Structure formats: structure tokens, C-alpha cells
Amino acid sequence: MKRRSMEPVRVPRLVGLAAEAAHDAALDAGVLAVDQDPSHTATMDGTVVRQQPMPGREVKVGTSVLIWVRTDSDGGGGGGGGSRLPTGPRPLLPAGTK
């Protein structure tokens, strides 16, 4: 079925789907699932735990739907909600110290 770009589409329910399946479902519906954490990819293992806009909302074809993906490496113990602190170069120690 071919869509005309002017017709609105409904945002699918992506919460609960595996990340890869969510990206596929979004494309099938005419929208684009975009992970809010750029370190996640569509092929990463994980489950969508939140999305914006909500399912059922009518949007233009090609609209981005933000998804939040929880992976096994995210700790799985709840909590969360914070952002990771950046890791960068460590400061140099003054000469003669260890």
C-alpha cells in the first residue's frame, strides 16, 4: 500500500518491543524511531521502555518518534533516569607525585 505524503499516519505502540522490531514497526507505519541515546543502535539488544509521541497520535509521514531503550547492560535493576557522566582525559599529576 502506497501512502500519499499529505495523509497523516498513526504512531504505532513501540513500548515493549525489541529495539530492532520497534524500528521496523515504525518504518512500516510511516514514521522513524529515533533512540534518544545516540549510543544505541537499531540492531542493539534491548527493549523500548518509553516513546514520544504516544501511540495512536496522528502525525505526518516521516515524523520522528523518540524511543528510550533499556539494554541488558543498563543494569536491569531499576533506578536509572540519570545521564551518564562523560569520561575524558584525566588531569595530569604534578611532577614527583604518583
PDB file of N, CA and C in Angstrom:
ATOM      1  N   MET A   1       0.850  -1.167   0.000  1.00  0.00           N
ATOM      2  CA  MET A   1       0.000   0.000   0.000  1.00  0.00           C
ATOM      3  C   MET A   1       0.903   1.239   0.000  1.00  0.00           C
ATOM      4  N   LYS A   2       0.652   2.097  -0.938  1.00  0.00           N
ATOM      5  CA  LYS A   2       1.441   3.324  -1.060  1.00  0.00           C
ATOM      6  C   LYS A   2       0.720   4.478  -0.371  1.00  0.00           C
ATOM      7  N   ARG A   3       1.478   5.271   0.402  1.00  0.00           N
ATOM      8  CA  ARG A   3       0.889   6.415   1.119  1.00  0.00           C
ATOM      9  C   ARG A   3       1.171   7.703   0.373  1.00  0.00           C
ATOM     10  N   ARG A   4       0.211   8.590   0.427  1.00  0.00           N
ATOM     11  CA  ARG A   4       0.473   9.933  -0.054  1.00  0.00           C
ATOM     12  C   ARG A   4       1.078  10.701   1.103  1.00  0.00           C
ATOM     13  N   SER A   5       2.072  11.506   0.834  1.00  0.00           N
ATOM     14  CA  SER A   5       2.810  12.182   1.898  1.00  0.00           C
ATOM     15  C   SER A   5       1.962  13.179   2.684  1.00  0.00           C
ATOM     16  N   MET A   6       0.812  13.560   2.183  1.00  0.00           N
ATOM     17  CA  MET A   6      -0.018  14.543   2.878  1.00  0.00           C
ATOM     18  C   MET A   6      -0.954  13.891   3.888  1.00  0.00           C
ATOM     19  N   GLU A   7      -1.161  12.572   3.786  1.00  0.00           N
ATOM     20  CA  GLU A   7      -2.072  11.896   4.695  1.00  0.00           C
ATOM     21  C   GLU A   7      -1.388  11.639   6.032  1.00  0.00           C
ATOM     22  N   PRO A   8      -2.075  11.916   7.142  1.00  0.00           N
ATOM     23  CA  PRO A   8      -1.473  11.619   8.448  1.00  0.00           C
ATOM     24  C   PRO A   8      -1.426  10.115   8.683  1.00  0.00           C
ATOM     25  N   VAL A   9      -0.494   9.695   9.529  1.00  0.00           N
ATOM     26  CA  VAL A   9      -0.376   8.296   9.929  1.00  0.00           C
ATOM     27  C   VAL A   9      -0.481   8.237  11.451  1.00  0.00           C
ATOM     28  N   ARG A  10      -0.803   7.081  11.970  1.00  0.00           N
ATOM     29  CA  ARG A  10      -0.891   6.894  13.421  1.00  0.00           C
ATOM     30  C   ARG A  10       0.430   6.322  13.937  1.00  0.00           C
ATOM     31  N   VAL A  11       0.871   6.884  15.057  1.00  0.00           N
ATOM     32  CA  VAL A  11       2.091   6.396  15.709  1.00  0.00           C
ATOM     33  C   VAL A  11       1.794   5.016  16.280  1.00  0.00           C
ATOM     34  N   PRO A  12       2.621   4.009  15.944  1.00  0.00           N
ATOM     35  CA  PRO A  12       2.388   2.673  16.493  1.00  0.00           C
ATOM     36  C   PRO A  12       2.869   2.563  17.938  1.00  0.00           C
ATOM     37  N   ARG A  13       2.395   1.544  18.639  1.00  0.00           N
ATOM     38  CA  ARG A  13       2.870   1.265  20.003  1.00  0.00           C
ATOM     39  C   ARG A  13       4.210   0.552  19.874  1.00  0.00           C
ATOM     40  N   LEU A  14       5.272   1.206  20.355  1.00  0.00           N
ATOM     41  CA  LEU A  14       6.620   0.654  20.274  1.00  0.00           C
ATOM     42  C   LEU A  14       7.107   0.141  21.624  1.00  0.00           C
ATOM     43  N   VAL A  15       6.496   0.619  22.712  1.00  0.00           N
ATOM     44  CA  VAL A  15       6.893   0.194  24.059  1.00  0.00           C
ATOM     45  C   VAL A  15       6.672  -1.309  24.190  1.00  0.00           C
ATOM     46  N   GLY A  16       7.693  -1.989  24.716  1.00  0.00           N
ATOM     47  CA  GLY A  16       7.613  -3.435  24.900  1.00  0.00           C
ATOM     48  C   GLY A  16       8.253  -4.220  23.773  1.00  0.00           C
ATOM     49  N   LEU A  17       8.505  -3.557  22.645  1.00  0.00           N
ATOM     50  CA  LEU A  17       9.136  -4.233  21.522  1.00  0.00           C
ATOM     51  C   LEU A  17      10.652  -4.217  21.663  1.00  0.00           C
ATOM     52  N   ALA A  18      11.299  -5.206  21.058  1.00  0.00           N
ATOM     53  CA  ALA A  18      12.754  -5.190  20.944  1.00  0.00           C
ATOM     54  C   ALA A  18      13.129  -3.993  20.079  1.00  0.00           C
ATOM     55  N   ALA A  19      14.294  -3.420  20.316  1.00  0.00           N
ATOM     56  CA  ALA A  19      14.705  -2.206  19.596  1.00  0.00           C
ATOM     57  C   ALA A  19      14.624  -2.384  18.088  1.00  0.00           C
ATOM     58  N   GLU A  20      15.145  -3.476  17.585  1.00  0.00           N
ATOM     59  CA  GLU A  20      15.134  -3.708  16.138  1.00  0.00           C
ATOM     60  C   GLU A  20      13.706  -3.813  15.606  1.00  0.00           C
ATOM     61  N   ALA A  21      12.839  -4.525  16.329  1.00  0.00           N
ATOM     62  CA  ALA A  21      11.436  -4.663  15.922  1.00  0.00           C
ATOM     63  C   ALA A  21      10.717  -3.314  15.969  1.00  0.00           C
ATOM     64  N   ALA A  22      11.058  -2.482  16.946  1.00  0.00           N
ATOM     65  CA  ALA A  22      10.437  -1.161  17.058  1.00  0.00           C
ATOM     66  C   ALA A  22      10.791  -0.287  15.862  1.00  0.00           C
ATOM     67  N   HIS A  23      12.051  -0.337  15.446  1.00  0.00           N
ATOM     68  CA  HIS A  23      12.465   0.438  14.273  1.00  0.00           C
ATOM     69  C   HIS A  23      11.710  -0.037  13.036  1.00  0.00           C
ATOM     70  N   ASP A  24      11.566  -1.357  12.881  1.00  0.00           N
ATOM     71  CA  ASP A  24      10.836  -1.909  11.735  1.00  0.00           C
ATOM     72  C   ASP A  24       9.360  -1.517  11.780  1.00  0.00           C
ATOM     73  N   ALA A  25       8.740  -1.622  12.959  1.00  0.00           N
ATOM     74  CA  ALA A  25       7.321  -1.274  13.093  1.00  0.00           C
ATOM     75  C   ALA A  25       7.084   0.202  12.793  1.00  0.00           C
ATOM     76  N   ALA A  26       8.004   1.041  13.237  1.00  0.00           N
ATOM     77  CA  ALA A  26       7.874   2.475  12.974  1.00  0.00           C
ATOM     78  C   ALA A  26       7.935   2.741  11.475  1.00  0.00           C
ATOM     79  N   LEU A  27       8.907   2.137  10.805  1.00  0.00           N
ATOM     80  CA  LEU A  27       9.025   2.335   9.355  1.00  0.00           C
ATOM     81  C   LEU A  27       7.786   1.828   8.629  1.00  0.00           C
ATOM     82  N   ASP A  28       7.263   0.671   9.055  1.00  0.00           N
ATOM     83  CA  ASP A  28       6.049   0.135   8.431  1.00  0.00           C
ATOM     84  C   ASP A  28       4.871   1.089   8.584  1.00  0.00           C
ATOM     85  N   ALA A  29       4.839   1.830   9.687  1.00  0.00           N
ATOM     86  CA  ALA A  29       3.748   2.776   9.945  1.00  0.00           C
ATOM     87  C   ALA A  29       3.968   4.131   9.275  1.00  0.00           C
ATOM     88  N   GLY A  30       5.179   4.343   8.731  1.00  0.00           N
ATOM     89  CA  GLY A  30       5.458   5.610   8.051  1.00  0.00           C
ATOM     90  C   GLY A  30       6.146   6.649   8.903  1.00  0.00           C
ATOM     91  N   VAL A  31       6.663   6.241  10.081  1.00  0.00           N
ATOM     92  CA  VAL A  31       7.398   7.161  10.954  1.00  0.00           C
ATOM     93  C   VAL A  31       8.796   6.599  11.183  1.00  0.00           C
ATOM     94  N   LEU A  32       9.633   7.374  11.856  1.00  0.00           N
ATOM     95  CA  LEU A  32      11.014   6.972  12.082  1.00  0.00           C
ATOM     96  C   LEU A  32      11.287   6.918  13.580  1.00  0.00           C
ATOM     97  N   ALA A  33      11.652   5.735  14.090  1.00  0.00           N
ATOM     98  CA  ALA A  33      12.013   5.592  15.506  1.00  0.00           C
ATOM     99  C   ALA A  33      13.448   6.073  15.679  1.00  0.00           C
ATOM    100  N   VAL A  34      13.637   7.014  16.586  1.00  0.00           N
ATOM    101  CA  VAL A  34      14.955   7.592  16.843  1.00  0.00           C
ATOM    102  C   VAL A  34      15.256   7.413  18.319  1.00  0.00           C
ATOM    103  N   ASP A  35      16.345   6.716  18.624  1.00  0.00           N
ATOM    104  CA  ASP A  35      16.707   6.490  20.017  1.00  0.00           C
ATOM    105  C   ASP A  35      17.215   7.780  20.623  1.00  0.00           C
ATOM    106  N   GLN A  36      16.705   8.126  21.785  1.00  0.00           N
ATOM    107  CA  GLN A  36      17.120   9.366  22.452  1.00  0.00           C
ATOM    108  C   GLN A  36      18.559   9.282  22.914  1.00  0.00           C
ATOM    109  N   ASP A  37      19.139   8.065  23.025  1.00  0.00           N
ATOM    110  CA  ASP A  37      20.546   7.881  23.391  1.00  0.00           C
ATOM    111  C   ASP A  37      21.297   7.488  22.135  1.00  0.00           C
ATOM    112  N   PRO A  38      22.121   8.383  21.590  1.00  0.00           N
ATOM    113  CA  PRO A  38      22.788   8.093  20.319  1.00  0.00           C
ATOM    114  C   PRO A  38      23.756   6.914  20.376  1.00  0.00           C
ATOM    115  N   SER A  39      24.076   6.402  21.568  1.00  0.00           N
ATOM    116  CA  SER A  39      24.976   5.247  21.627  1.00  0.00           C
ATOM    117  C   SER A  39      24.235   3.946  21.329  1.00  0.00           C
ATOM    118  N   HIS A  40      22.895   3.965  21.348  1.00  0.00           N
ATOM    119  CA  HIS A  40      22.114   2.774  20.991  1.00  0.00           C
ATOM    120  C   HIS A  40      21.920   2.750  19.486  1.00  0.00           C
ATOM    121  N   THR A  41      21.845   1.551  18.937  1.00  0.00           N
ATOM    122  CA  THR A  41      21.578   1.401  17.508  1.00  0.00           C
ATOM    123  C   THR A  41      20.364   0.504  17.320  1.00  0.00           C
ATOM    124  N   ALA A  42      19.825   0.501  16.129  1.00  0.00           N
ATOM    125  CA  ALA A  42      18.634  -0.290  15.840  1.00  0.00           C
ATOM    126  C   ALA A  42      18.881  -1.783  16.018  1.00  0.00           C
ATOM    127  N   THR A  43      20.104  -2.232  15.876  1.00  0.00           N
ATOM    128  CA  THR A  43      20.396  -3.659  15.977  1.00  0.00           C
ATOM    129  C   THR A  43      20.846  -4.065  17.376  1.00  0.00           C
ATOM    130  N   MET A  44      20.902  -3.123  18.314  1.00  0.00           N
ATOM    131  CA  MET A  44      21.284  -3.440  19.682  1.00  0.00           C
ATOM    132  C   MET A  44      20.196  -4.218  20.385  1.00  0.00           C
ATOM    133  N   ASP A  45      20.609  -5.137  21.260  1.00  0.00           N
ATOM    134  CA  ASP A  45      19.632  -5.843  22.079  1.00  0.00           C
ATOM    135  C   ASP A  45      19.077  -4.872  23.104  1.00  0.00           C
ATOM    136  N   GLY A  46      17.813  -4.942  23.320  1.00  0.00           N
ATOM    137  CA  GLY A  46      17.182  -4.074  24.300  1.00  0.00           C
ATOM    138  C   GLY A  46      15.709  -3.958  24.010  1.00  0.00           C
ATOM    139  N   THR A  47      14.982  -3.380  24.944  1.00  0.00           N
ATOM    140  CA  THR A  47      13.536  -3.250  24.846  1.00  0.00           C
ATOM    141  C   THR A  47      13.149  -1.785  24.982  1.00  0.00           C
ATOM    142  N   VAL A  48      12.209  -1.365  24.164  1.00  0.00           N
ATOM    143  CA  VAL A  48      11.705   0.011  24.237  1.00  0.00           C
ATOM    144  C   VAL A  48      10.867   0.132  25.510  1.00  0.00           C
ATOM    145  N   VAL A  49      11.216   1.109  26.355  1.00  0.00           N
ATOM    146  CA  VAL A  49      10.512   1.310  27.622  1.00  0.00           C
ATOM    147  C   VAL A  49       9.696   2.601  27.645  1.00  0.00           C
ATOM    148  N   ARG A  50       9.897   3.452  26.642  1.00  0.00           N
ATOM    149  CA  ARG A  50       9.158   4.725  26.583  1.00  0.00           C
ATOM    150  C   ARG A  50       9.205   5.238  25.148  1.00  0.00           C
ATOM    151  N   GLN A  51       8.200   5.990  24.768  1.00  0.00           N
ATOM    152  CA  GLN A  51       8.196   6.612  23.443  1.00  0.00           C
ATOM    153  C   GLN A  51       7.491   7.949  23.510  1.00  0.00           C
ATOM    154  N   GLN A  52       7.828   8.815  22.558  1.00  0.00           N
ATOM    155  CA  GLN A  52       7.199  10.129  22.446  1.00  0.00           C
ATOM    156  C   GLN A  52       7.194  10.519  20.976  1.00  0.00           C
ATOM    157  N   PRO A  53       6.086  10.788  20.314  1.00  0.00           N
ATOM    158  CA  PRO A  53       4.737  10.890  20.832  1.00  0.00           C
ATOM    159  C   PRO A  53       4.142   9.514  21.165  1.00  0.00           C
ATOM    160  N   MET A  54       3.052   9.559  21.896  1.00  0.00           N
ATOM    161  CA  MET A  54       2.373   8.360  22.373  1.00  0.00           C
ATOM    162  C   MET A  54       1.695   7.630  21.216  1.00  0.00           C
ATOM    163  N   PRO A  55       1.461   6.324  21.388  1.00  0.00           N
ATOM    164  CA  PRO A  55       0.785   5.541  20.353  1.00  0.00           C
ATOM    165  C   PRO A  55      -0.606   6.085  20.034  1.00  0.00           C
ATOM    166  N   GLY A  56      -0.980   5.977  18.770  1.00  0.00           N
ATOM    167  CA  GLY A  56      -2.306   6.394  18.332  1.00  0.00           C
ATOM    168  C   GLY A  56      -2.392   7.833  17.869  1.00  0.00           C
ATOM    169  N   ARG A  57      -1.392   8.626  18.198  1.00  0.00           N
ATOM    170  CA  ARG A  57      -1.410  10.037  17.784  1.00  0.00           C
ATOM    171  C   ARG A  57      -1.204  10.131  16.271  1.00  0.00           C
ATOM    172  N   GLU A  58      -1.932  11.018  15.634  1.00  0.00           N
ATOM    173  CA  GLU A  58      -1.779  11.230  14.198  1.00  0.00           C
ATOM    174  C   GLU A  58      -0.666  12.240  13.954  1.00  0.00           C
ATOM    175  N   VAL A  59       0.260  11.870  13.059  1.00  0.00           N
ATOM    176  CA  VAL A  59       1.406  12.712  12.720  1.00  0.00           C
ATOM    177  C   VAL A  59       1.635  12.648  11.213  1.00  0.00           C
ATOM    178  N   LYS A  60       2.487  13.516  10.730  1.00  0.00           N
ATOM    179  CA  LYS A  60       2.851  13.499   9.316  1.00  0.00           C
ATOM    180  C   LYS A  60       3.769  12.316   9.025  1.00  0.00           C
ATOM    181  N   VAL A  61       3.683  11.797   7.819  1.00  0.00           N
ATOM    182  CA  VAL A  61       4.585  10.735   7.386  1.00  0.00           C
ATOM    183  C   VAL A  61       6.022  11.222   7.552  1.00  0.00           C
ATOM    184  N   GLY A  62       6.877  10.358   8.086  1.00  0.00           N
ATOM    185  CA  GLY A  62       8.284  10.703   8.266  1.00  0.00           C
ATOM    186  C   GLY A  62       8.609  11.356   9.591  1.00  0.00           C
ATOM    187  N   THR A  63       7.594  11.570  10.442  1.00  0.00           N
ATOM    188  CA  THR A  63       7.821  12.170  11.757  1.00  0.00           C
ATOM    189  C   THR A  63       8.721  11.264  12.591  1.00  0.00           C
ATOM    190  N   SER A  64       9.624  11.868  13.367  1.00  0.00           N
ATOM    191  CA  SER A  64      10.482  11.102  14.272  1.00  0.00           C
ATOM    192  C   SER A  64       9.731  10.795  15.560  1.00  0.00           C
ATOM    193  N   VAL A  65       9.863   9.544  16.005  1.00  0.00           N
ATOM    194  CA  VAL A  65       9.306   9.105  17.280  1.00  0.00           C
ATOM    195  C   VAL A  65      10.490   8.768  18.178  1.00  0.00           C
ATOM    196  N   LEU A  66      10.648   9.521  19.254  1.00  0.00           N
ATOM    197  CA  LEU A  66      11.741   9.242  20.191  1.00  0.00           C
ATOM    198  C   LEU A  66      11.439   7.971  20.966  1.00  0.00           C
ATOM    199  N   ILE A  67      12.455   7.105  21.092  1.00  0.00           N
ATOM    200  CA  ILE A  67      12.294   5.906  21.904  1.00  0.00           C
ATOM    201  C   ILE A  67      13.421   5.839  22.926  1.00  0.00           C
ATOM    202  N   TRP A  68      13.094   5.270  24.078  1.00  0.00           N
ATOM    203  CA  TRP A  68      14.074   5.024  25.137  1.00  0.00           C
ATOM    204  C   TRP A  68      14.230   3.516  25.217  1.00  0.00           C
ATOM    205  N   VAL A  69      15.474   3.026  25.055  1.00  0.00           N
ATOM    206  CA  VAL A  69      15.740   1.594  25.029  1.00  0.00           C
ATOM    207  C   VAL A  69      16.529   1.199  26.268  1.00  0.00           C
ATOM    208  N   ARG A  70      16.046   0.166  26.956  1.00  0.00           N
ATOM    209  CA  ARG A  70      16.784  -0.380  28.098  1.00  0.00           C
ATOM    210  C   ARG A  70      17.468  -1.651  27.606  1.00  0.00           C
ATOM    211  N   THR A  71      18.779  -1.691  27.747  1.00  0.00           N
ATOM    212  CA  THR A  71      19.542  -2.873  27.345  1.00  0.00           C
ATOM    213  C   THR A  71      19.935  -3.659  28.584  1.00  0.00           C
ATOM    214  N   ASP A  72      20.360  -4.892  28.379  1.00  0.00           N
ATOM    215  CA  ASP A  72      20.811  -5.714  29.494  1.00  0.00           C
ATOM    216  C   ASP A  72      21.957  -5.042  30.222  1.00  0.00           C
ATOM    217  N   SER A  73      22.774  -4.279  29.513  1.00  0.00           N
ATOM    218  CA  SER A  73      23.913  -3.612  30.140  1.00  0.00           C
ATOM    219  C   SER A  73      23.501  -2.348  30.887  1.00  0.00           C
ATOM    220  N   ASP A  74      22.216  -1.965  30.816  1.00  0.00           N
ATOM    221  CA  ASP A  74      21.739  -0.781  31.540  1.00  0.00           C
ATOM    222  C   ASP A  74      21.555  -1.051  33.030  1.00  0.00           C
ATOM    223  N   GLY A  75      21.882  -2.257  33.470  1.00  0.00           N
ATOM    224  CA  GLY A  75      21.806  -2.562  34.885  1.00  0.00           C
ATOM    225  C   GLY A  75      20.616  -3.417  35.235  1.00  0.00           C
ATOM    226  N   GLY A  76      19.490  -3.225  34.596  1.00  0.00           N
ATOM    227  CA  GLY A  76      18.321  -4.044  34.808  1.00  0.00           C
ATOM    228  C   GLY A  76      17.741  -3.968  36.211  1.00  0.00           C
ATOM    229  N   GLY A  77      18.324  -3.206  37.115  1.00  0.00           N
ATOM    230  CA  GLY A  77      17.852  -3.181  38.479  1.00  0.00           C
ATOM    231  C   GLY A  77      16.964  -2.005  38.800  1.00  0.00           C
ATOM    232  N   GLY A  78      16.472  -1.324  37.789  1.00  0.00           N
ATOM    233  CA  GLY A  78      15.620  -0.168  38.042  1.00  0.00           C
ATOM    234  C   GLY A  78      16.443   1.059  38.317  1.00  0.00           C
ATOM    235  N   GLY A  79      15.849   2.009  38.990  1.00  0.00           N
ATOM    236  CA  GLY A  79      16.557   3.262  39.245  1.00  0.00           C
ATOM    237  C   GLY A  79      16.694   4.015  37.944  1.00  0.00           C
ATOM    238  N   GLY A  80      17.899   4.308  37.571  1.00  0.00           N
ATOM    239  CA  GLY A  80      18.165   4.958  36.293  1.00  0.00           C
ATOM    240  C   GLY A  80      17.630   6.356  36.245  1.00  0.00           C
ATOM    241  N   GLY A  81      17.336   6.793  35.049  1.00  0.00           N
ATOM    242  CA  GLY A  81      16.778   8.110  34.858  1.00  0.00           C
ATOM    243  C   GLY A  81      17.824   9.183  34.712  1.00  0.00           C
ATOM    244  N   GLY A  82      19.015   8.936  35.192  1.00  0.00           N
ATOM    245  CA  GLY A  82      20.076   9.935  35.079  1.00  0.00           C
ATOM    246  C   GLY A  82      20.817   9.788  33.772  1.00  0.00           C
ATOM    247  N   SER A  83      21.728  10.685  33.550  1.00  0.00           N
ATOM    248  CA  SER A  83      22.556  10.563  32.359  1.00  0.00           C
ATOM    249  C   SER A  83      23.960  10.178  32.772  1.00  0.00           C
ATOM    250  N   ARG A  84      24.637   9.556  31.847  1.00  0.00           N
ATOM    251  CA  ARG A  84      25.997   9.130  32.127  1.00  0.00           C
ATOM    252  C   ARG A  84      26.911  10.341  32.193  1.00  0.00           C
ATOM    253  N   LEU A  85      27.875  10.268  33.088  1.00  0.00           N
ATOM    254  CA  LEU A  85      28.863  11.338  33.161  1.00  0.00           C
ATOM    255  C   LEU A  85      29.896  11.114  32.073  1.00  0.00           C
ATOM    256  N   PRO A  86      30.348  12.172  31.429  1.00  0.00           N
ATOM    257  CA  PRO A  86      31.347  11.990  30.387  1.00  0.00           C
ATOM    258  C   PRO A  86      32.672  11.521  30.986  1.00  0.00           C
ATOM    259  N   THR A  87      33.333  10.695  30.231  1.00  0.00           N
ATOM    260  CA  THR A  87      34.671  10.285  30.641  1.00  0.00           C
ATOM    261  C   THR A  87      35.632  10.910  29.652  1.00  0.00           C
ATOM    262  N   GLY A  88      36.664  11.480  30.140  1.00  0.00           N
ATOM    263  CA  GLY A  88      37.628  12.142  29.263  1.00  0.00           C
ATOM    264  C   GLY A  88      39.014  11.992  29.835  1.00  0.00           C
ATOM    265  N   PRO A  89      39.926  12.744  29.331  1.00  0.00           N
ATOM    266  CA  PRO A  89      41.290  12.635  29.842  1.00  0.00           C
ATOM    267  C   PRO A  89      41.339  13.025  31.315  1.00  0.00           C
ATOM    268  N   ARG A  90      42.175  12.329  32.044  1.00  0.00           N
ATOM    269  CA  ARG A  90      42.353  12.645  33.467  1.00  0.00           C
ATOM    270  C   ARG A  90      43.388  13.752  33.600  1.00  0.00           C
ATOM    271  N   PRO A  91      43.271  14.570  34.637  1.00  0.00           N
ATOM    272  CA  PRO A  91      44.239  15.652  34.810  1.00  0.00           C
ATOM    273  C   PRO A  91      45.615  15.066  35.113  1.00  0.00           C
ATOM    274  N   LEU A  92      46.620  15.766  34.646  1.00  0.00           N
ATOM    275  CA  LEU A  92      47.991  15.357  34.914  1.00  0.00           C
ATOM    276  C   LEU A  92      48.338  15.649  36.356  1.00  0.00           C
ATOM    277  N   LEU A  93      49.088  14.736  36.962  1.00  0.00           N
ATOM    278  CA  LEU A  93      49.554  14.939  38.331  1.00  0.00           C
ATOM    279  C   LEU A  93      50.800  15.815  38.315  1.00  0.00           C
ATOM    280  N   PRO A  94      51.017  16.619  39.337  1.00  0.00           N
ATOM    281  CA  PRO A  94      52.236  17.430  39.404  1.00  0.00           C
ATOM    282  C   PRO A  94      53.476  16.527  39.412  1.00  0.00           C
ATOM    283  N   ALA A  95      54.541  17.023  38.901  1.00  0.00           N
ATOM    284  CA  ALA A  95      55.790  16.264  38.838  1.00  0.00           C
ATOM    285  C   ALA A  95      56.186  15.766  40.219  1.00  0.00           C
ATOM    286  N   GLY A  96      56.651  14.541  40.295  1.00  0.00           N
ATOM    287  CA  GLY A  96      57.124  13.978  41.547  1.00  0.00           C
ATOM    288  C   GLY A  96      56.045  13.309  42.376  1.00  0.00           C
ATOM    289  N   THR A  97      54.797  13.228  41.881  1.00  0.00           N
ATOM    290  CA  THR A  97      53.732  12.534  42.618  1.00  0.00           C
ATOM    291  C   THR A  97      53.329  11.308  41.851  1.00  0.00           C
ATOM    292  N   LYS A  98      52.694  10.407  42.550  1.00  0.00           N
ATOM    293  CA  LYS A  98      52.230   9.163  41.887  1.00  0.00           C
ATOM    294  C   LYS A  98      50.745   9.142  41.806  1.00  0.00           C
TER     295      LYS A  98
END
